[in-house]
Amino acid sequence: MSIPTDVASLQIMAHVYQKNSAQSIYEKTVTSLVENVPYINWAGIYLYEQLDHKLVAASSFENDIRWECNGELKFPIMNQEDKEIGLMLVRSLQPIAFDVTDVSTLETIAKAIGHETLLN
């Protein structure tokens, strides 16, 4: 069990279910992941617009550690109709940083932000 990921998840889910604005939820998500999970060094949320990906929230807009990262996980953000509307991305400088519980928890977060933010 990844306790830091679970702590971040609780903070994010509380924010989601308080019916905050979509942008506020996206920002809370990336901030909570980087601040609470020591091996997540960068997090970002992209939403699809036409054929383009728009970065709507990031833990750091200046440095996304794209070239330095040793680990990266991507999670689709789906709407209520199960259409992919975006992507949540987490990156780590550590090799082999993520475990199965991280994946499960992060999938749950991506699903919740996709389903709930579009209802507000």
PDB file of N, CA and C in Angstrom:
ATOM      1  N   MET A   1       0.847  -1.186   0.000  1.00  0.00           N
ATOM      2  CA  MET A   1       0.000   0.000   0.000  1.00  0.00           C
ATOM      3  C   MET A   1       0.886   1.240   0.000  1.00  0.00           C
ATOM      4  N   SER A   2       0.579   2.154  -0.860  1.00  0.00           N
ATOM      5  CA  SER A   2       1.323   3.410  -0.932  1.00  0.00           C
ATOM      6  C   SER A   2       0.582   4.477  -0.131  1.00  0.00           C
ATOM      7  N   ILE A   3       1.018   4.673   1.083  1.00  0.00           N
ATOM      8  CA  ILE A   3       0.346   5.624   1.972  1.00  0.00           C
ATOM      9  C   ILE A   3       0.399   7.051   1.429  1.00  0.00           C
ATOM     10  N   PRO A   4       1.534   7.527   0.911  1.00  0.00           N
ATOM     11  CA  PRO A   4       1.529   8.899   0.374  1.00  0.00           C
ATOM     12  C   PRO A   4       0.524   9.100  -0.762  1.00  0.00           C
ATOM     13  N   THR A   5       0.392   8.122  -1.636  1.00  0.00           N
ATOM     14  CA  THR A   5      -0.568   8.237  -2.734  1.00  0.00           C
ATOM     15  C   THR A   5      -1.991   8.233  -2.196  1.00  0.00           C
ATOM     16  N   ASP A   6      -2.237   7.418  -1.179  1.00  0.00           N
ATOM     17  CA  ASP A   6      -3.567   7.387  -0.570  1.00  0.00           C
ATOM     18  C   ASP A   6      -3.908   8.712   0.104  1.00  0.00           C
ATOM     19  N   VAL A   7      -2.937   9.322   0.782  1.00  0.00           N
ATOM     20  CA  VAL A   7      -3.156  10.626   1.428  1.00  0.00           C
ATOM     21  C   VAL A   7      -3.505  11.676   0.372  1.00  0.00           C
ATOM     22  N   ALA A   8      -2.731  11.707  -0.706  1.00  0.00           N
ATOM     23  CA  ALA A   8      -3.013  12.648  -1.797  1.00  0.00           C
ATOM     24  C   ALA A   8      -4.392  12.385  -2.379  1.00  0.00           C
ATOM     25  N   SER A   9      -4.735  11.123  -2.541  1.00  0.00           N
ATOM     26  CA  SER A   9      -6.035  10.762  -3.099  1.00  0.00           C
ATOM     27  C   SER A   9      -7.176  11.263  -2.221  1.00  0.00           C
ATOM     28  N   LEU A  10      -7.057  11.120  -0.924  1.00  0.00           N
ATOM     29  CA  LEU A  10      -8.106  11.599  -0.015  1.00  0.00           C
ATOM     30  C   LEU A  10      -8.299  13.111  -0.134  1.00  0.00           C
ATOM     31  N   GLN A  11      -7.197  13.839  -0.232  1.00  0.00           N
ATOM     32  CA  GLN A  11      -7.293  15.296  -0.387  1.00  0.00           C
ATOM     33  C   GLN A  11      -7.962  15.663  -1.706  1.00  0.00           C
ATOM     34  N   ILE A  12      -7.575  14.982  -2.758  1.00  0.00           N
ATOM     35  CA  ILE A  12      -8.128  15.267  -4.088  1.00  0.00           C
ATOM     36  C   ILE A  12      -9.612  14.921  -4.138  1.00  0.00           C
ATOM     37  N   MET A  13      -9.959  13.744  -3.644  1.00  0.00           N
ATOM     38  CA  MET A  13     -11.356  13.309  -3.706  1.00  0.00           C
ATOM     39  C   MET A  13     -12.258  14.212  -2.871  1.00  0.00           C
ATOM     40  N   ALA A  14     -11.775  14.676  -1.728  1.00  0.00           N
ATOM     41  CA  ALA A  14     -12.569  15.611  -0.921  1.00  0.00           C
ATOM     42  C   ALA A  14     -12.828  16.877  -1.717  1.00  0.00           C
ATOM     43  N   HIS A  15     -11.831  17.348  -2.429  1.00  0.00           N
ATOM     44  CA  HIS A  15     -11.964  18.556  -3.244  1.00  0.00           C
ATOM     45  C   HIS A  15     -12.944  18.318  -4.398  1.00  0.00           C
ATOM     46  N   VAL A  16     -12.854  17.146  -5.008  1.00  0.00           N
ATOM     47  CA  VAL A  16     -13.748  16.801  -6.119  1.00  0.00           C
ATOM     48  C   VAL A  16     -15.199  16.794  -5.642  1.00  0.00           C
ATOM     49  N   TYR A  17     -15.466  16.098  -4.544  1.00  0.00           N
ATOM     50  CA  TYR A  17     -16.849  15.921  -4.099  1.00  0.00           C
ATOM     51  C   TYR A  17     -17.421  17.123  -3.359  1.00  0.00           C
ATOM     52  N   GLN A  18     -16.590  18.142  -3.108  1.00  0.00           N
ATOM     53  CA  GLN A  18     -17.104  19.414  -2.586  1.00  0.00           C
ATOM     54  C   GLN A  18     -17.649  20.270  -3.719  1.00  0.00           C
ATOM     55  N   LYS A  19     -17.599  19.731  -4.941  1.00  0.00           N
ATOM     56  CA  LYS A  19     -18.138  20.398  -6.134  1.00  0.00           C
ATOM     57  C   LYS A  19     -17.421  21.715  -6.434  1.00  0.00           C
ATOM     58  N   ASN A  20     -16.099  21.724  -6.251  1.00  0.00           N
ATOM     59  CA  ASN A  20     -15.306  22.894  -6.610  1.00  0.00           C
ATOM     60  C   ASN A  20     -15.232  23.013  -8.131  1.00  0.00           C
ATOM     61  N   SER A  21     -14.730  24.123  -8.609  1.00  0.00           N
ATOM     62  CA  SER A  21     -14.625  24.323 -10.055  1.00  0.00           C
ATOM     63  C   SER A  21     -13.652  23.313 -10.658  1.00  0.00           C
ATOM     64  N   ALA A  22     -13.820  23.045 -11.930  1.00  0.00           N
ATOM     65  CA  ALA A  22     -12.953  22.092 -12.619  1.00  0.00           C
ATOM     66  C   ALA A  22     -11.497  22.518 -12.520  1.00  0.00           C
ATOM     67  N   GLN A  23     -11.209  23.790 -12.767  1.00  0.00           N
ATOM     68  CA  GLN A  23      -9.822  24.257 -12.722  1.00  0.00           C
ATOM     69  C   GLN A  23      -9.237  24.092 -11.328  1.00  0.00           C
ATOM     70  N   SER A  24     -10.018  24.374 -10.317  1.00  0.00           N
ATOM     71  CA  SER A  24      -9.568  24.205  -8.936  1.00  0.00           C
ATOM     72  C   SER A  24      -9.245  22.733  -8.653  1.00  0.00           C
ATOM     73  N   ILE A  25     -10.068  21.840  -9.150  1.00  0.00           N
ATOM     74  CA  ILE A  25      -9.832  20.409  -8.952  1.00  0.00           C
ATOM     75  C   ILE A  25      -8.567  19.964  -9.672  1.00  0.00           C
ATOM     76  N   TYR A  26      -8.367  20.421 -10.892  1.00  0.00           N
ATOM     77  CA  TYR A  26      -7.156  20.058 -11.634  1.00  0.00           C
ATOM     78  C   TYR A  26      -5.913  20.540 -10.893  1.00  0.00           C
ATOM     79  N   GLU A  27      -5.946  21.780 -10.417  1.00  0.00           N
ATOM     80  CA  GLU A  27      -4.795  22.335  -9.698  1.00  0.00           C
ATOM     81  C   GLU A  27      -4.551  21.603  -8.383  1.00  0.00           C
ATOM     82  N   LYS A  28      -5.620  21.282  -7.654  1.00  0.00           N
ATOM     83  CA  LYS A  28      -5.490  20.536  -6.398  1.00  0.00           C
ATOM     84  C   LYS A  28      -4.899  19.158  -6.661  1.00  0.00           C
ATOM     85  N   THR A  29      -5.302  18.541  -7.745  1.00  0.00           N
ATOM     86  CA  THR A  29      -4.806  17.205  -8.085  1.00  0.00           C
ATOM     87  C   THR A  29      -3.298  17.215  -8.286  1.00  0.00           C
ATOM     88  N   VAL A  30      -2.801  18.077  -9.155  1.00  0.00           N
ATOM     89  CA  VAL A  30      -1.361  18.068  -9.442  1.00  0.00           C
ATOM     90  C   VAL A  30      -0.549  18.510  -8.226  1.00  0.00           C
ATOM     91  N   THR A  31      -1.061  19.481  -7.489  1.00  0.00           N
ATOM     92  CA  THR A  31      -0.350  19.960  -6.299  1.00  0.00           C
ATOM     93  C   THR A  31      -0.290  18.881  -5.229  1.00  0.00           C
ATOM     94  N   SER A  32      -1.405  18.240  -4.952  1.00  0.00           N
ATOM     95  CA  SER A  32      -1.441  17.199  -3.916  1.00  0.00           C
ATOM     96  C   SER A  32      -0.535  16.025  -4.258  1.00  0.00           C
ATOM     97  N   LEU A  33      -0.527  15.630  -5.507  1.00  0.00           N
ATOM     98  CA  LEU A  33       0.318  14.500  -5.896  1.00  0.00           C
ATOM     99  C   LEU A  33       1.797  14.801  -5.683  1.00  0.00           C
ATOM    100  N   VAL A  34       2.249  15.977  -6.098  1.00  0.00           N
ATOM    101  CA  VAL A  34       3.663  16.309  -5.977  1.00  0.00           C
ATOM    102  C   VAL A  34       4.053  16.601  -4.525  1.00  0.00           C
ATOM    103  N   GLU A  35       3.171  17.254  -3.778  1.00  0.00           N
ATOM    104  CA  GLU A  35       3.503  17.595  -2.396  1.00  0.00           C
ATOM    105  C   GLU A  35       3.452  16.392  -1.456  1.00  0.00           C
ATOM    106  N   ASN A  36       2.596  15.433  -1.701  1.00  0.00           N
ATOM    107  CA  ASN A  36       2.403  14.313  -0.772  1.00  0.00           C
ATOM    108  C   ASN A  36       3.120  13.025  -1.149  1.00  0.00           C
ATOM    109  N   VAL A  37       3.416  12.854  -2.408  1.00  0.00           N
ATOM    110  CA  VAL A  37       4.041  11.603  -2.857  1.00  0.00           C
ATOM    111  C   VAL A  37       5.498  11.913  -3.215  1.00  0.00           C
ATOM    112  N   PRO A  38       6.436  11.475  -2.379  1.00  0.00           N
ATOM    113  CA  PRO A  38       7.839  11.876  -2.562  1.00  0.00           C
ATOM    114  C   PRO A  38       8.461  11.490  -3.897  1.00  0.00           C
ATOM    115  N   TYR A  39       7.962  10.446  -4.538  1.00  0.00           N
ATOM    116  CA  TYR A  39       8.560  10.006  -5.795  1.00  0.00           C
ATOM    117  C   TYR A  39       7.818  10.519  -7.032  1.00  0.00           C
ATOM    118  N   ILE A  40       6.774  11.321  -6.848  1.00  0.00           N
ATOM    119  CA  ILE A  40       6.161  12.003  -7.995  1.00  0.00           C
ATOM    120  C   ILE A  40       6.769  13.401  -8.045  1.00  0.00           C
ATOM    121  N   ASN A  41       7.554  13.633  -9.097  1.00  0.00           N
ATOM    122  CA  ASN A  41       8.266  14.903  -9.238  1.00  0.00           C
ATOM    123  C   ASN A  41       7.561  15.898 -10.136  1.00  0.00           C
ATOM    124  N   TRP A  42       6.633  15.418 -10.946  1.00  0.00           N
ATOM    125  CA  TRP A  42       5.870  16.306 -11.833  1.00  0.00           C
ATOM    126  C   TRP A  42       4.536  15.648 -12.131  1.00  0.00           C
ATOM    127  N   ALA A  43       3.488  16.456 -12.163  1.00  0.00           N
ATOM    128  CA  ALA A  43       2.163  15.971 -12.535  1.00  0.00           C
ATOM    129  C   ALA A  43       1.497  17.009 -13.428  1.00  0.00           C
ATOM    130  N   GLY A  44       0.726  16.539 -14.381  1.00  0.00           N
ATOM    131  CA  GLY A  44       0.026  17.451 -15.270  1.00  0.00           C
ATOM    132  C   GLY A  44      -1.290  16.861 -15.738  1.00  0.00           C
ATOM    133  N   ILE A  45      -2.206  17.749 -16.080  1.00  0.00           N
ATOM    134  CA  ILE A  45      -3.494  17.340 -16.631  1.00  0.00           C
ATOM    135  C   ILE A  45      -3.670  18.039 -17.972  1.00  0.00           C
ATOM    136  N   TYR A  46      -3.911  17.219 -18.985  1.00  0.00           N
ATOM    137  CA  TYR A  46      -4.151  17.700 -20.339  1.00  0.00           C
ATOM    138  C   TYR A  46      -5.602  17.433 -20.696  1.00  0.00           C
ATOM    139  N   LEU A  47      -6.227  18.381 -21.351  1.00  0.00           N
ATOM    140  CA  LEU A  47      -7.564  18.167 -21.901  1.00  0.00           C
ATOM    141  C   LEU A  47      -7.466  18.265 -23.412  1.00  0.00           C
ATOM    142  N   TYR A  48      -8.262  17.464 -24.089  1.00  0.00           N
ATOM    143  CA  TYR A  48      -8.241  17.450 -25.549  1.00  0.00           C
ATOM    144  C   TYR A  48      -9.134  18.549 -26.086  1.00  0.00           C
ATOM    145  N   GLU A  49      -8.605  19.302 -27.016  1.00  0.00           N
ATOM    146  CA  GLU A  49      -9.364  20.325 -27.738  1.00  0.00           C
ATOM    147  C   GLU A  49      -9.123  20.099 -29.217  1.00  0.00           C
ATOM    148  N   GLN A  50     -10.162  19.653 -29.878  1.00  0.00           N
ATOM    149  CA  GLN A  50     -10.051  19.304 -31.290  1.00  0.00           C
ATOM    150  C   GLN A  50      -8.994  18.207 -31.434  1.00  0.00           C
ATOM    151  N   LEU A  51      -7.923  18.471 -32.160  1.00  0.00           N
ATOM    152  CA  LEU A  51      -6.851  17.492 -32.340  1.00  0.00           C
ATOM    153  C   LEU A  51      -5.629  17.815 -31.490  1.00  0.00           C
ATOM    154  N   ASP A  52      -5.781  18.707 -30.545  1.00  0.00           N
ATOM    155  CA  ASP A  52      -4.659  19.188 -29.754  1.00  0.00           C
ATOM    156  C   ASP A  52      -4.837  18.805 -28.285  1.00  0.00           C
ATOM    157  N   HIS A  53      -3.734  18.775 -27.557  1.00  0.00           N
ATOM    158  CA  HIS A  53      -3.740  18.546 -26.111  1.00  0.00           C
ATOM    159  C   HIS A  53      -3.406  19.874 -25.444  1.00  0.00           C
ATOM    160  N   LYS A  54      -4.237  20.299 -24.514  1.00  0.00           N
ATOM    161  CA  LYS A  54      -3.988  21.563 -23.814  1.00  0.00           C
ATOM    162  C   LYS A  54      -3.655  21.245 -22.356  1.00  0.00           C
ATOM    163  N   LEU A  55      -2.486  21.691 -21.909  1.00  0.00           N
ATOM    164  CA  LEU A  55      -2.078  21.520 -20.524  1.00  0.00           C
ATOM    165  C   LEU A  55      -2.860  22.524 -19.686  1.00  0.00           C
ATOM    166  N   VAL A  56      -3.778  22.028 -18.849  1.00  0.00           N
ATOM    167  CA  VAL A  56      -4.644  22.903 -18.065  1.00  0.00           C
ATOM    168  C   VAL A  56      -4.178  23.061 -16.624  1.00  0.00           C
ATOM    169  N   ALA A  57      -3.347  22.134 -16.150  1.00  0.00           N
ATOM    170  CA  ALA A  57      -2.795  22.233 -14.795  1.00  0.00           C
ATOM    171  C   ALA A  57      -1.498  21.441 -14.757  1.00  0.00           C
ATOM    172  N   ALA A  58      -0.518  21.983 -14.051  1.00  0.00           N
ATOM    173  CA  ALA A  58       0.763  21.300 -13.908  1.00  0.00           C
ATOM    174  C   ALA A  58       1.391  21.694 -12.588  1.00  0.00           C
ATOM    175  N   SER A  59       2.159  20.785 -12.034  1.00  0.00           N
ATOM    176  CA  SER A  59       2.849  21.100 -10.790  1.00  0.00           C
ATOM    177  C   SER A  59       3.931  22.144 -11.040  1.00  0.00           C
ATOM    178  N   SER A  60       4.444  22.190 -12.264  1.00  0.00           N
ATOM    179  CA  SER A  60       5.403  23.207 -12.673  1.00  0.00           C
ATOM    180  C   SER A  60       5.275  23.392 -14.176  1.00  0.00           C
ATOM    181  N   PHE A  61       4.927  24.590 -14.596  1.00  0.00           N
ATOM    182  CA  PHE A  61       4.803  24.850 -16.031  1.00  0.00           C
ATOM    183  C   PHE A  61       6.168  25.068 -16.673  1.00  0.00           C
ATOM    184  N   GLU A  62       7.157  25.476 -15.882  1.00  0.00           N
ATOM    185  CA  GLU A  62       8.484  25.759 -16.422  1.00  0.00           C
ATOM    186  C   GLU A  62       9.305  24.496 -16.636  1.00  0.00           C
ATOM    187  N   ASN A  63       9.132  23.512 -15.761  1.00  0.00           N
ATOM    188  CA  ASN A  63       9.976  22.328 -15.824  1.00  0.00           C
ATOM    189  C   ASN A  63       9.123  21.083 -15.665  1.00  0.00           C
ATOM    190  N   ASP A  64       8.823  20.415 -16.765  1.00  0.00           N
ATOM    191  CA  ASP A  64       8.007  19.211 -16.663  1.00  0.00           C
ATOM    192  C   ASP A  64       8.854  17.941 -16.600  1.00  0.00           C
ATOM    193  N   ILE A  65      10.145  18.056 -16.417  1.00  0.00           N
ATOM    194  CA  ILE A  65      11.137  16.969 -16.297  1.00  0.00           C
ATOM    195  C   ILE A  65      10.989  15.900 -17.371  1.00  0.00           C
ATOM    196  N   ARG A  66      10.474  16.268 -18.502  1.00  0.00           N
ATOM    197  CA  ARG A  66      10.225  15.313 -19.588  1.00  0.00           C
ATOM    198  C   ARG A  66      11.468  14.492 -19.926  1.00  0.00           C
ATOM    199  N   TRP A  67      12.597  15.126 -20.012  1.00  0.00           N
ATOM    200  CA  TRP A  67      13.795  14.431 -20.479  1.00  0.00           C
ATOM    201  C   TRP A  67      14.572  13.774 -19.348  1.00  0.00           C
ATOM    202  N   GLU A  68      14.341  14.217 -18.112  1.00  0.00           N
ATOM    203  CA  GLU A  68      15.082  13.649 -16.994  1.00  0.00           C
ATOM    204  C   GLU A  68      14.351  12.498 -16.307  1.00  0.00           C
ATOM    205  N   CYS A  69      13.070  12.321 -16.583  1.00  0.00           N
ATOM    206  CA  CYS A  69      12.290  11.349 -15.808  1.00  0.00           C
ATOM    207  C   CYS A  69      12.686   9.917 -16.143  1.00  0.00           C
ATOM    208  N   ASN A  70      12.586   9.076 -15.121  1.00  0.00           N
ATOM    209  CA  ASN A  70      12.862   7.652 -15.271  1.00  0.00           C
ATOM    210  C   ASN A  70      11.590   6.819 -15.232  1.00  0.00           C
ATOM    211  N   GLY A  71      10.504   7.448 -14.824  1.00  0.00           N
ATOM    212  CA  GLY A  71       9.241   6.749 -14.754  1.00  0.00           C
ATOM    213  C   GLY A  71       8.106   7.682 -15.113  1.00  0.00           C
ATOM    214  N   GLU A  72       7.142   7.173 -15.865  1.00  0.00           N
ATOM    215  CA  GLU A  72       6.009   7.996 -16.273  1.00  0.00           C
ATOM    216  C   GLU A  72       4.774   7.107 -16.364  1.00  0.00           C
ATOM    217  N   LEU A  73       3.676   7.604 -15.812  1.00  0.00           N
ATOM    218  CA  LEU A  73       2.401   6.918 -15.925  1.00  0.00           C
ATOM    219  C   LEU A  73       1.386   7.871 -16.532  1.00  0.00           C
ATOM    220  N   LYS A  74       0.539   7.335 -17.411  1.00  0.00           N
ATOM    221  CA  LYS A  74      -0.513   8.120 -18.058  1.00  0.00           C
ATOM    222  C   LYS A  74      -1.855   7.469 -17.769  1.00  0.00           C
ATOM    223  N   PHE A  75      -2.833   8.318 -17.438  1.00  0.00           N
ATOM    224  CA  PHE A  75      -4.166   7.820 -17.126  1.00  0.00           C
ATOM    225  C   PHE A  75      -5.194   8.610 -17.921  1.00  0.00           C
ATOM    226  N   PRO A  76      -6.044   7.924 -18.682  1.00  0.00           N
ATOM    227  CA  PRO A  76      -7.068   8.643 -19.442  1.00  0.00           C
ATOM    228  C   PRO A  76      -8.100   9.263 -18.503  1.00  0.00           C
ATOM    229  N   ILE A  77      -8.549  10.438 -18.847  1.00  0.00           N
ATOM    230  CA  ILE A  77      -9.650  11.094 -18.142  1.00  0.00           C
ATOM    231  C   ILE A  77     -10.873  10.912 -19.027  1.00  0.00           C
ATOM    232  N   MET A  78     -11.867  10.220 -18.475  1.00  0.00           N
ATOM    233  CA  MET A  78     -13.060   9.863 -19.238  1.00  0.00           C
ATOM    234  C   MET A  78     -14.266  10.625 -18.719  1.00  0.00           C
ATOM    235  N   ASN A  79     -15.168  10.993 -19.620  1.00  0.00           N
ATOM    236  CA  ASN A  79     -16.401  11.645 -19.186  1.00  0.00           C
ATOM    237  C   ASN A  79     -17.440  10.582 -18.824  1.00  0.00           C
ATOM    238  N   GLN A  80     -18.658  11.009 -18.518  1.00  0.00           N
ATOM    239  CA  GLN A  80     -19.727  10.092 -18.108  1.00  0.00           C
ATOM    240  C   GLN A  80     -20.079   9.066 -19.191  1.00  0.00           C
ATOM    241  N   GLU A  81     -19.852   9.426 -20.448  1.00  0.00           N
ATOM    242  CA  GLU A  81     -20.157   8.512 -21.556  1.00  0.00           C
ATOM    243  C   GLU A  81     -18.954   7.638 -21.921  1.00  0.00           C
ATOM    244  N   ASP A  82     -17.944   7.617 -21.070  1.00  0.00           N
ATOM    245  CA  ASP A  82     -16.707   6.863 -21.281  1.00  0.00           C
ATOM    246  C   ASP A  82     -15.957   7.291 -22.537  1.00  0.00           C
ATOM    247  N   LYS A  83     -16.059   8.556 -22.876  1.00  0.00           N
ATOM    248  CA  LYS A  83     -15.268   9.123 -23.965  1.00  0.00           C
ATOM    249  C   LYS A  83     -14.034   9.771 -23.349  1.00  0.00           C
ATOM    250  N   GLU A  84     -12.885   9.488 -23.928  1.00  0.00           N
ATOM    251  CA  GLU A  84     -11.643  10.058 -23.404  1.00  0.00           C
ATOM    252  C   GLU A  84     -11.584  11.550 -23.736  1.00  0.00           C
ATOM    253  N   ILE A  85     -11.498  12.361 -22.687  1.00  0.00           N
ATOM    254  CA  ILE A  85     -11.489  13.818 -22.863  1.00  0.00           C
ATOM    255  C   ILE A  85     -10.167  14.454 -22.437  1.00  0.00           C
ATOM    256  N   GLY A  86      -9.284  13.647 -21.870  1.00  0.00           N
ATOM    257  CA  GLY A  86      -8.020  14.192 -21.409  1.00  0.00           C
ATOM    258  C   GLY A  86      -7.099  13.116 -20.885  1.00  0.00           C
ATOM    259  N   LEU A  87      -6.042  13.592 -20.215  1.00  0.00           N
ATOM    260  CA  LEU A  87      -4.990  12.705 -19.758  1.00  0.00           C
ATOM    261  C   LEU A  87      -4.370  13.271 -18.494  1.00  0.00           C
ATOM    262  N   MET A  88      -4.187  12.417 -17.492  1.00  0.00           N
ATOM    263  CA  MET A  88      -3.435  12.791 -16.295  1.00  0.00           C
ATOM    264  C   MET A  88      -2.086  12.087 -16.381  1.00  0.00           C
ATOM    265  N   LEU A  89      -1.031  12.843 -16.189  1.00  0.00           N
ATOM    266  CA  LEU A  89       0.322  12.331 -16.350  1.00  0.00           C
ATOM    267  C   LEU A  89       1.102  12.565 -15.070  1.00  0.00           C
ATOM    268  N   VAL A  90       1.846  11.561 -14.613  1.00  0.00           N
ATOM    269  CA  VAL A  90       2.749  11.734 -13.475  1.00  0.00           C
ATOM    270  C   VAL A  90       4.129  11.241 -13.890  1.00  0.00           C
ATOM    271  N   ARG A  91       5.157  11.962 -13.424  1.00  0.00           N
ATOM    272  CA  ARG A  91       6.533  11.600 -13.763  1.00  0.00           C
ATOM    273  C   ARG A  91       7.381  11.538 -12.507  1.00  0.00           C
ATOM    274  N   SER A  92       8.347  10.634 -12.543  1.00  0.00           N
ATOM    275  CA  SER A  92       9.250  10.455 -11.416  1.00  0.00           C
ATOM    276  C   SER A  92      10.693  10.444 -11.905  1.00  0.00           C
ATOM    277  N   LEU A  93      11.568  11.013 -11.092  1.00  0.00           N
ATOM    278  CA  LEU A  93      12.994  10.943 -11.397  1.00  0.00           C
ATOM    279  C   LEU A  93      13.568   9.587 -10.993  1.00  0.00           C
ATOM    280  N   GLN A  94      12.864   8.868 -10.133  1.00  0.00           N
ATOM    281  CA  GLN A  94      13.324   7.569  -9.648  1.00  0.00           C
ATOM    282  C   GLN A  94      12.943   6.454 -10.619  1.00  0.00           C
ATOM    283  N   PRO A  95      13.868   5.539 -10.864  1.00  0.00           N
ATOM    284  CA  PRO A  95      13.486   4.360 -11.643  1.00  0.00           C
ATOM    285  C   PRO A  95      12.655   3.428 -10.755  1.00  0.00           C
ATOM    286  N   ILE A  96      11.711   2.756 -11.332  1.00  0.00           N
ATOM    287  CA  ILE A  96      10.852   1.799 -10.625  1.00  0.00           C
ATOM    288  C   ILE A  96      10.231   2.440  -9.386  1.00  0.00           C
ATOM    289  N   ALA A  97       9.598   3.577  -9.562  1.00  0.00           N
ATOM    290  CA  ALA A  97       9.026   4.315  -8.440  1.00  0.00           C
ATOM    291  C   ALA A  97       7.605   3.869  -8.110  1.00  0.00           C
ATOM    292  N   PHE A  98       6.840   3.472  -9.096  1.00  0.00           N
ATOM    293  CA  PHE A  98       5.418   3.216  -8.913  1.00  0.00           C
ATOM    294  C   PHE A  98       5.134   1.733  -8.681  1.00  0.00           C
ATOM    295  N   ASP A  99       4.116   1.465  -7.854  1.00  0.00           N
ATOM    296  CA  ASP A  99       3.698   0.079  -7.655  1.00  0.00           C
ATOM    297  C   ASP A  99       2.229  -0.071  -8.064  1.00  0.00           C
ATOM    298  N   VAL A 100       1.706  -1.268  -7.907  1.00  0.00           N
ATOM    299  CA  VAL A 100       0.348  -1.578  -8.349  1.00  0.00           C
ATOM    300  C   VAL A 100      -0.684  -0.714  -7.625  1.00  0.00           C
ATOM    301  N   THR A 101      -0.484  -0.451  -6.337  1.00  0.00           N
ATOM    302  CA  THR A 101      -1.458   0.365  -5.608  1.00  0.00           C
ATOM    303  C   THR A 101      -1.451   1.811  -6.089  1.00  0.00           C
ATOM    304  N   ASP A 102      -0.277   2.307  -6.486  1.00  0.00           N
ATOM    305  CA  ASP A 102      -0.225   3.652  -7.067  1.00  0.00           C
ATOM    306  C   ASP A 102      -1.076   3.699  -8.331  1.00  0.00           C
ATOM    307  N   VAL A 103      -0.920   2.718  -9.180  1.00  0.00           N
ATOM    308  CA  VAL A 103      -1.657   2.681 -10.444  1.00  0.00           C
ATOM    309  C   VAL A 103      -3.159   2.670 -10.182  1.00  0.00           C
ATOM    310  N   SER A 104      -3.593   1.820  -9.274  1.00  0.00           N
ATOM    311  CA  SER A 104      -5.015   1.720  -8.960  1.00  0.00           C
ATOM    312  C   SER A 104      -5.567   3.036  -8.404  1.00  0.00           C
ATOM    313  N   THR A 105      -4.837   3.639  -7.480  1.00  0.00           N
ATOM    314  CA  THR A 105      -5.276   4.895  -6.872  1.00  0.00           C
ATOM    315  C   THR A 105      -5.310   6.021  -7.900  1.00  0.00           C
ATOM    316  N   LEU A 106      -4.288   6.105  -8.734  1.00  0.00           N
ATOM    317  CA  LEU A 106      -4.233   7.166  -9.745  1.00  0.00           C
ATOM    318  C   LEU A 106      -5.318   6.980 -10.806  1.00  0.00           C
ATOM    319  N   GLU A 107      -5.640   5.748 -11.146  1.00  0.00           N
ATOM    320  CA  GLU A 107      -6.753   5.493 -12.076  1.00  0.00           C
ATOM    321  C   GLU A 107      -8.070   5.991 -11.485  1.00  0.00           C
ATOM    322  N   THR A 108      -8.262   5.758 -10.203  1.00  0.00           N
ATOM    323  CA  THR A 108      -9.478   6.204  -9.518  1.00  0.00           C
ATOM    324  C   THR A 108      -9.578   7.720  -9.523  1.00  0.00           C
ATOM    325  N   ILE A 109      -8.458   8.395  -9.282  1.00  0.00           N
ATOM    326  CA  ILE A 109      -8.434   9.860  -9.299  1.00  0.00           C
ATOM    327  C   ILE A 109      -8.803  10.374 -10.687  1.00  0.00           C
ATOM    328  N   ALA A 110      -8.179   9.821 -11.726  1.00  0.00           N
ATOM    329  CA  ALA A 110      -8.454  10.264 -13.096  1.00  0.00           C
ATOM    330  C   ALA A 110      -9.924  10.062 -13.448  1.00  0.00           C
ATOM    331  N   LYS A 111     -10.478   8.942 -13.033  1.00  0.00           N
ATOM    332  CA  LYS A 111     -11.889   8.670 -13.313  1.00  0.00           C
ATOM    333  C   LYS A 111     -12.787   9.678 -12.603  1.00  0.00           C
ATOM    334  N   ALA A 112     -12.498   9.942 -11.338  1.00  0.00           N
ATOM    335  CA  ALA A 112     -13.329  10.875 -10.561  1.00  0.00           C
ATOM    336  C   ALA A 112     -13.274  12.285 -11.124  1.00  0.00           C
ATOM    337  N   ILE A 113     -12.084  12.750 -11.484  1.00  0.00           N
ATOM    338  CA  ILE A 113     -12.018  14.129 -11.986  1.00  0.00           C
ATOM    339  C   ILE A 113     -12.701  14.242 -13.345  1.00  0.00           C
ATOM    340  N   GLY A 114     -12.668  13.183 -14.132  1.00  0.00           N
ATOM    341  CA  GLY A 114     -13.368  13.212 -15.413  1.00  0.00           C
ATOM    342  C   GLY A 114     -14.864  13.200 -15.265  1.00  0.00           C
ATOM    343  N   HIS A 115     -15.372  12.390 -14.394  1.00  0.00           N
ATOM    344  CA  HIS A 115     -16.823  12.263 -14.225  1.00  0.00           C
ATOM    345  C   HIS A 115     -17.411  13.446 -13.473  1.00  0.00           C
ATOM    346  N   GLU A 116     -16.755  13.882 -12.419  1.00  0.00           N
ATOM    347  CA  GLU A 116     -17.343  14.892 -11.544  1.00  0.00           C
ATOM    348  C   GLU A 116     -17.141  16.322 -12.016  1.00  0.00           C
ATOM    349  N   THR A 117     -15.996  16.651 -12.586  1.00  0.00           N
ATOM    350  CA  THR A 117     -15.744  18.042 -12.962  1.00  0.00           C
ATOM    351  C   THR A 117     -16.648  18.493 -14.098  1.00  0.00           C
ATOM    352  N   LEU A 118     -17.054  17.579 -14.940  1.00  0.00           N
ATOM    353  CA  LEU A 118     -17.911  17.964 -16.059  1.00  0.00           C
ATOM    354  C   LEU A 118     -19.362  18.159 -15.636  1.00  0.00           C
ATOM    355  N   LEU A 119     -19.698  17.695 -14.453  1.00  0.00           N
ATOM    356  CA  LEU A 119     -21.063  17.864 -13.957  1.00  0.00           C
ATOM    357  C   LEU A 119     -21.262  19.244 -13.330  1.00  0.00           C
ATOM    358  N   ASN A 120     -20.158  19.911 -12.981  1.00  0.00           N
ATOM    359  CA  ASN A 120     -20.233  21.225 -12.301  1.00  0.00           C
ATOM    360  C   ASN A 120     -20.280  22.369 -13.305  1.00  0.00           C
TER     361      ASN A 120
END
